[in-house]
Amino acid sequence: MPHDLRARTLAYLRSGAVRVYRAEPPRGMGPVPPEYVEALVVGFKSDYRVRLERGRWVCSCQEAQCPHIASVQMCTGHDSPVRPAAKTTAAHGRA
């Protein structure tokens, strides 16, 4: 099992271990990441419950750098340590 966050996150995604059961976007906001998420990540040692509620990500593993949260963040379009925020054209000085 890989030990760095990116490798572990990608391993969960490649194996199909991430199951998002509920993802609710903010009302009337168009195509944006959901503000409430419930998911299950089938882990190598156990299954982990991941939740986003009121802007806070929580995982049953309680690891400081959690690959389960990072996997769900990637599946639901949220920024994650594995995939940082997309740079806008304005940030690159282009109009």
C-alpha atoms as a PDB file:
ATOM      1  CA  MET A   1       0.000   0.000   0.000  1.00  0.00           C
ATOM      2  CA  PRO A   2       1.493   3.357  -1.006  1.00  0.00           C
ATOM      3  CA  HIS A   3       2.168   5.727   1.894  1.00  0.00           C
ATOM      4  CA  ASP A   4       2.063   9.208   0.388  1.00  0.00           C
ATOM      5  CA  LEU A   5      -1.280  11.033   0.210  1.00  0.00           C
ATOM      6  CA  ARG A   6      -1.436  11.380  -3.573  1.00  0.00           C
ATOM      7  CA  ALA A   7      -0.598   7.727  -4.236  1.00  0.00           C
ATOM      8  CA  ARG A   8      -3.104   6.497  -1.653  1.00  0.00           C
ATOM      9  CA  THR A   9      -5.857   8.793  -2.960  1.00  0.00           C
ATOM     10  CA  LEU A  10      -5.320   7.715  -6.556  1.00  0.00           C
ATOM     11  CA  ALA A  11      -5.240   4.046  -5.516  1.00  0.00           C
ATOM     12  CA  TYR A  12      -8.723   4.402  -3.978  1.00  0.00           C
ATOM     13  CA  LEU A  13     -10.025   6.156  -7.084  1.00  0.00           C
ATOM     14  CA  ARG A  14      -8.519   3.631  -9.513  1.00  0.00           C
ATOM     15  CA  SER A  15      -9.904   0.673  -7.583  1.00  0.00           C
ATOM     16  CA  GLY A  16     -13.455   2.058  -7.540  1.00  0.00           C
ATOM     17  CA  ALA A  17     -13.471   2.153  -3.747  1.00  0.00           C
ATOM     18  CA  VAL A  18     -15.240   5.521  -3.449  1.00  0.00           C
ATOM     19  CA  ARG A  19     -19.025   5.421  -3.186  1.00  0.00           C
ATOM     20  CA  VAL A  20     -20.810   8.761  -2.921  1.00  0.00           C
ATOM     21  CA  TYR A  21     -24.276   8.180  -1.500  1.00  0.00           C
ATOM     22  CA  ARG A  22     -25.467  11.756  -1.222  1.00  0.00           C
ATOM     23  CA  ALA A  23     -24.226  15.026  -2.695  1.00  0.00           C
ATOM     24  CA  GLU A  24     -26.361  18.149  -2.407  1.00  0.00           C
ATOM     25  CA  PRO A  25     -25.329  21.323  -4.228  1.00  0.00           C
ATOM     26  CA  PRO A  26     -26.261  24.749  -2.886  1.00  0.00           C
ATOM     27  CA  ARG A  27     -29.707  25.764  -4.136  1.00  0.00           C
ATOM     28  CA  GLY A  28     -29.808  27.995  -7.180  1.00  0.00           C
ATOM     29  CA  MET A  29     -26.039  28.121  -7.580  1.00  0.00           C
ATOM     30  CA  GLY A  30     -25.646  26.255 -10.879  1.00  0.00           C
ATOM     31  CA  PRO A  31     -22.808  23.757 -11.476  1.00  0.00           C
ATOM     32  CA  VAL A  32     -20.782  24.012  -8.276  1.00  0.00           C
ATOM     33  CA  PRO A  33     -19.416  21.380  -5.892  1.00  0.00           C
ATOM     34  CA  PRO A  34     -21.950  20.061  -3.382  1.00  0.00           C
ATOM     35  CA  GLU A  35     -22.195  21.639   0.070  1.00  0.00           C
ATOM     36  CA  TYR A  36     -23.293  18.379   1.722  1.00  0.00           C
ATOM     37  CA  VAL A  37     -21.702  14.996   0.953  1.00  0.00           C
ATOM     38  CA  GLU A  38     -21.992  11.490   2.402  1.00  0.00           C
ATOM     39  CA  ALA A  39     -19.677   8.793   1.078  1.00  0.00           C
ATOM     40  CA  LEU A  40     -18.120   5.450   1.874  1.00  0.00           C
ATOM     41  CA  VAL A  41     -14.554   4.542   0.941  1.00  0.00           C
ATOM     42  CA  VAL A  42     -13.837   0.823   0.930  1.00  0.00           C
ATOM     43  CA  GLY A  43     -10.361   0.762   2.389  1.00  0.00           C
ATOM     44  CA  PHE A  44      -7.573  -1.758   2.432  1.00  0.00           C
ATOM     45  CA  LYS A  45      -7.984  -2.406   6.172  1.00  0.00           C
ATOM     46  CA  SER A  46     -11.516  -1.122   6.853  1.00  0.00           C
ATOM     47  CA  ASP A  47     -14.361   0.915   5.375  1.00  0.00           C
ATOM     48  CA  TYR A  48     -14.369   4.650   6.056  1.00  0.00           C
ATOM     49  CA  ARG A  49     -17.294   7.043   6.249  1.00  0.00           C
ATOM     50  CA  VAL A  50     -16.640  10.511   4.856  1.00  0.00           C
ATOM     51  CA  ARG A  51     -18.925  13.500   5.289  1.00  0.00           C
ATOM     52  CA  LEU A  52     -18.945  17.179   4.357  1.00  0.00           C
ATOM     53  CA  GLU A  53     -21.337  19.223   6.411  1.00  0.00           C
ATOM     54  CA  ARG A  54     -21.320  22.948   7.133  1.00  0.00           C
ATOM     55  CA  GLY A  55     -18.008  23.335   5.327  1.00  0.00           C
ATOM     56  CA  ARG A  56     -16.170  20.722   7.401  1.00  0.00           C
ATOM     57  CA  TRP A  57     -14.830  17.408   6.093  1.00  0.00           C
ATOM     58  CA  VAL A  58     -14.866  14.476   8.531  1.00  0.00           C
ATOM     59  CA  CYS A  59     -13.639  10.894   8.117  1.00  0.00           C
ATOM     60  CA  SER A  60     -13.990   7.967  10.486  1.00  0.00           C
ATOM     61  CA  CYS A  61     -10.227   7.252  10.179  1.00  0.00           C
ATOM     62  CA  GLN A  62      -9.264  10.579  11.784  1.00  0.00           C
ATOM     63  CA  GLU A  63      -5.896  10.713   9.974  1.00  0.00           C
ATOM     64  CA  ALA A  64      -4.307  14.165   9.724  1.00  0.00           C
ATOM     65  CA  GLN A  65      -3.735  13.765   5.953  1.00  0.00           C
ATOM     66  CA  CYS A  66      -6.703  11.627   5.004  1.00  0.00           C
ATOM     67  CA  PRO A  67      -6.703   9.932   1.584  1.00  0.00           C
ATOM     68  CA  HIS A  68     -10.371   8.987   2.039  1.00  0.00           C
ATOM     69  CA  ILE A  69     -11.426  12.640   2.237  1.00  0.00           C
ATOM     70  CA  ALA A  70      -9.121  13.540  -0.668  1.00  0.00           C
ATOM     71  CA  SER A  71     -10.710  10.782  -2.789  1.00  0.00           C
ATOM     72  CA  VAL A  72     -14.236  12.007  -2.106  1.00  0.00           C
ATOM     73  CA  GLN A  73     -13.180  15.615  -2.709  1.00  0.00           C
ATOM     74  CA  MET A  74     -11.898  14.651  -6.149  1.00  0.00           C
ATOM     75  CA  CYS A  75     -15.071  12.715  -6.993  1.00  0.00           C
ATOM     76  CA  THR A  76     -17.309  15.632  -6.023  1.00  0.00           C
ATOM     77  CA  GLY A  77     -15.355  18.457  -7.672  1.00  0.00           C
ATOM     78  CA  HIS A  78     -13.910  19.964  -4.488  1.00  0.00           C
ATOM     79  CA  ASP A  79     -10.357  21.199  -4.146  1.00  0.00           C
ATOM     80  CA  SER A  80      -8.120  18.718  -2.372  1.00  0.00           C
ATOM     81  CA  PRO A  81      -4.461  18.432  -1.368  1.00  0.00           C
ATOM     82  CA  VAL A  82      -4.071  16.064  -4.315  1.00  0.00           C
ATOM     83  CA  ARG A  83      -5.716  18.428  -6.821  1.00  0.00           C
ATOM     84  CA  PRO A  84      -5.289  22.077  -5.792  1.00  0.00           C
ATOM     85  CA  ALA A  85      -7.670  24.844  -6.843  1.00  0.00           C
ATOM     86  CA  ALA A  86      -7.779  25.485 -10.569  1.00  0.00           C
ATOM     87  CA  LYS A  87      -5.996  28.637 -11.637  1.00  0.00           C
ATOM     88  CA  THR A  88      -8.173  31.211 -13.345  1.00  0.00           C
ATOM     89  CA  THR A  89      -7.072  33.082 -16.444  1.00  0.00           C
ATOM     90  CA  ALA A  90      -7.038  36.283 -14.364  1.00  0.00           C
ATOM     91  CA  ALA A  91      -4.445  34.722 -12.070  1.00  0.00           C
ATOM     92  CA  HIS A  92      -2.199  34.225 -15.094  1.00  0.00           C
ATOM     93  CA  GLY A  93      -2.552  37.853 -16.190  1.00  0.00           C
ATOM     94  CA  ARG A  94      -4.660  37.037 -19.254  1.00  0.00           C
ATOM     95  CA  ALA A  95      -7.909  38.803 -20.075  1.00  0.00           C
END
